[in-house]
């Protein structure tokens, strides 16, 4: 995003969807803590660049099926 900003371009994270394919792979991925870290890092990267205009999150559910 810094390179886009340096080139005078805006950026937006669209369709950010960090999810598990199925419940059985949660532990292999690192659990919900890893998912939260991935969301945090993605949004923080946008917030750290003045020309990042926003983040669109898709398919967010706060429950486990």
C-alpha atoms as a PDB file:
ATOM      1  CA  UNK A   1       0.000   0.000   0.000  1.00  0.00           C
ATOM      2  CA  UNK A   2       2.924   2.308   0.609  1.00  0.00           C
ATOM      3  CA  UNK A   3       4.039   1.853  -2.985  1.00  0.00           C
ATOM      4  CA  UNK A   4       0.585   2.780  -4.272  1.00  0.00           C
ATOM      5  CA  UNK A   5       0.570   5.834  -1.991  1.00  0.00           C
ATOM      6  CA  UNK A   6       3.997   6.867  -3.247  1.00  0.00           C
ATOM      7  CA  UNK A   7       2.652   6.662  -6.803  1.00  0.00           C
ATOM      8  CA  UNK A   8      -0.239   8.950  -5.817  1.00  0.00           C
ATOM      9  CA  UNK A   9      -2.863   6.215  -5.888  1.00  0.00           C
ATOM     10  CA  UNK A  10      -5.556   5.400  -3.335  1.00  0.00           C
ATOM     11  CA  UNK A  11      -6.135   1.850  -2.158  1.00  0.00           C
ATOM     12  CA  UNK A  12      -9.025  -0.081  -0.608  1.00  0.00           C
ATOM     13  CA  UNK A  13      -9.131  -3.586   0.837  1.00  0.00           C
ATOM     14  CA  UNK A  14     -12.232  -5.125  -0.688  1.00  0.00           C
ATOM     15  CA  UNK A  15     -13.876  -8.431   0.041  1.00  0.00           C
ATOM     16  CA  UNK A  16     -11.643  -9.172   3.030  1.00  0.00           C
ATOM     17  CA  UNK A  17     -12.737 -12.646   4.081  1.00  0.00           C
ATOM     18  CA  UNK A  18     -10.450 -14.621   6.372  1.00  0.00           C
ATOM     19  CA  UNK A  19     -12.420 -17.724   7.175  1.00  0.00           C
ATOM     20  CA  UNK A  20     -12.043 -21.408   7.746  1.00  0.00           C
ATOM     21  CA  UNK A  21     -13.013 -23.714   4.920  1.00  0.00           C
ATOM     22  CA  UNK A  22     -14.610 -25.970   7.486  1.00  0.00           C
ATOM     23  CA  UNK A  23     -14.590 -26.312  11.245  1.00  0.00           C
ATOM     24  CA  UNK A  24     -12.251 -29.305  11.151  1.00  0.00           C
ATOM     25  CA  UNK A  25      -9.300 -27.171   9.995  1.00  0.00           C
ATOM     26  CA  UNK A  26      -9.494 -24.514  12.741  1.00  0.00           C
ATOM     27  CA  UNK A  27      -6.783 -26.096  14.884  1.00  0.00           C
ATOM     28  CA  UNK A  28      -4.450 -26.665  11.926  1.00  0.00           C
ATOM     29  CA  UNK A  29      -4.769 -23.002  10.956  1.00  0.00           C
ATOM     30  CA  UNK A  30      -3.921 -21.757  14.432  1.00  0.00           C
ATOM     31  CA  UNK A  31      -7.378 -21.253  15.841  1.00  0.00           C
ATOM     32  CA  UNK A  32      -9.544 -18.211  16.175  1.00  0.00           C
ATOM     33  CA  UNK A  33      -6.619 -16.240  17.614  1.00  0.00           C
ATOM     34  CA  UNK A  34      -4.787 -16.548  14.299  1.00  0.00           C
ATOM     35  CA  UNK A  35      -7.882 -15.464  12.396  1.00  0.00           C
ATOM     36  CA  UNK A  36      -8.207 -12.401  14.650  1.00  0.00           C
ATOM     37  CA  UNK A  37      -4.523 -11.593  14.112  1.00  0.00           C
ATOM     38  CA  UNK A  38      -4.954 -11.814  10.351  1.00  0.00           C
ATOM     39  CA  UNK A  39      -7.924  -9.421  10.407  1.00  0.00           C
ATOM     40  CA  UNK A  40      -6.046  -7.047  12.703  1.00  0.00           C
ATOM     41  CA  UNK A  41      -2.946  -7.034  10.504  1.00  0.00           C
ATOM     42  CA  UNK A  42      -4.977  -6.441   7.350  1.00  0.00           C
ATOM     43  CA  UNK A  43      -6.962  -3.533   8.768  1.00  0.00           C
ATOM     44  CA  UNK A  44      -3.878  -2.051  10.461  1.00  0.00           C
ATOM     45  CA  UNK A  45      -2.010  -2.073   7.160  1.00  0.00           C
ATOM     46  CA  UNK A  46      -4.780   0.037   5.661  1.00  0.00           C
ATOM     47  CA  UNK A  47      -4.946   2.400   8.627  1.00  0.00           C
ATOM     48  CA  UNK A  48      -1.192   2.973   8.477  1.00  0.00           C
ATOM     49  CA  UNK A  49      -1.447   4.480   4.971  1.00  0.00           C
ATOM     50  CA  UNK A  50      -3.257   7.792   4.555  1.00  0.00           C
ATOM     51  CA  UNK A  51      -4.366   6.917   1.027  1.00  0.00           C
ATOM     52  CA  UNK A  52      -6.088   3.683   2.036  1.00  0.00           C
ATOM     53  CA  UNK A  53      -9.740   4.634   1.869  1.00  0.00           C
ATOM     54  CA  UNK A  54     -11.365   1.689   3.573  1.00  0.00           C
ATOM     55  CA  UNK A  55     -11.875  -1.993   4.251  1.00  0.00           C
ATOM     56  CA  UNK A  56     -14.870  -4.066   3.161  1.00  0.00           C
ATOM     57  CA  UNK A  57     -15.365  -7.259   5.168  1.00  0.00           C
ATOM     58  CA  UNK A  58     -17.460 -10.062   3.701  1.00  0.00           C
ATOM     59  CA  UNK A  59     -19.029 -13.094   5.278  1.00  0.00           C
ATOM     60  CA  UNK A  60     -18.231 -12.104   8.872  1.00  0.00           C
ATOM     61  CA  UNK A  61     -19.966 -14.274  11.444  1.00  0.00           C
ATOM     62  CA  UNK A  62     -19.074 -14.334  15.120  1.00  0.00           C
ATOM     63  CA  UNK A  63     -20.198 -17.882  15.746  1.00  0.00           C
ATOM     64  CA  UNK A  64     -18.823 -21.332  14.955  1.00  0.00           C
ATOM     65  CA  UNK A  65     -21.105 -23.753  13.177  1.00  0.00           C
END
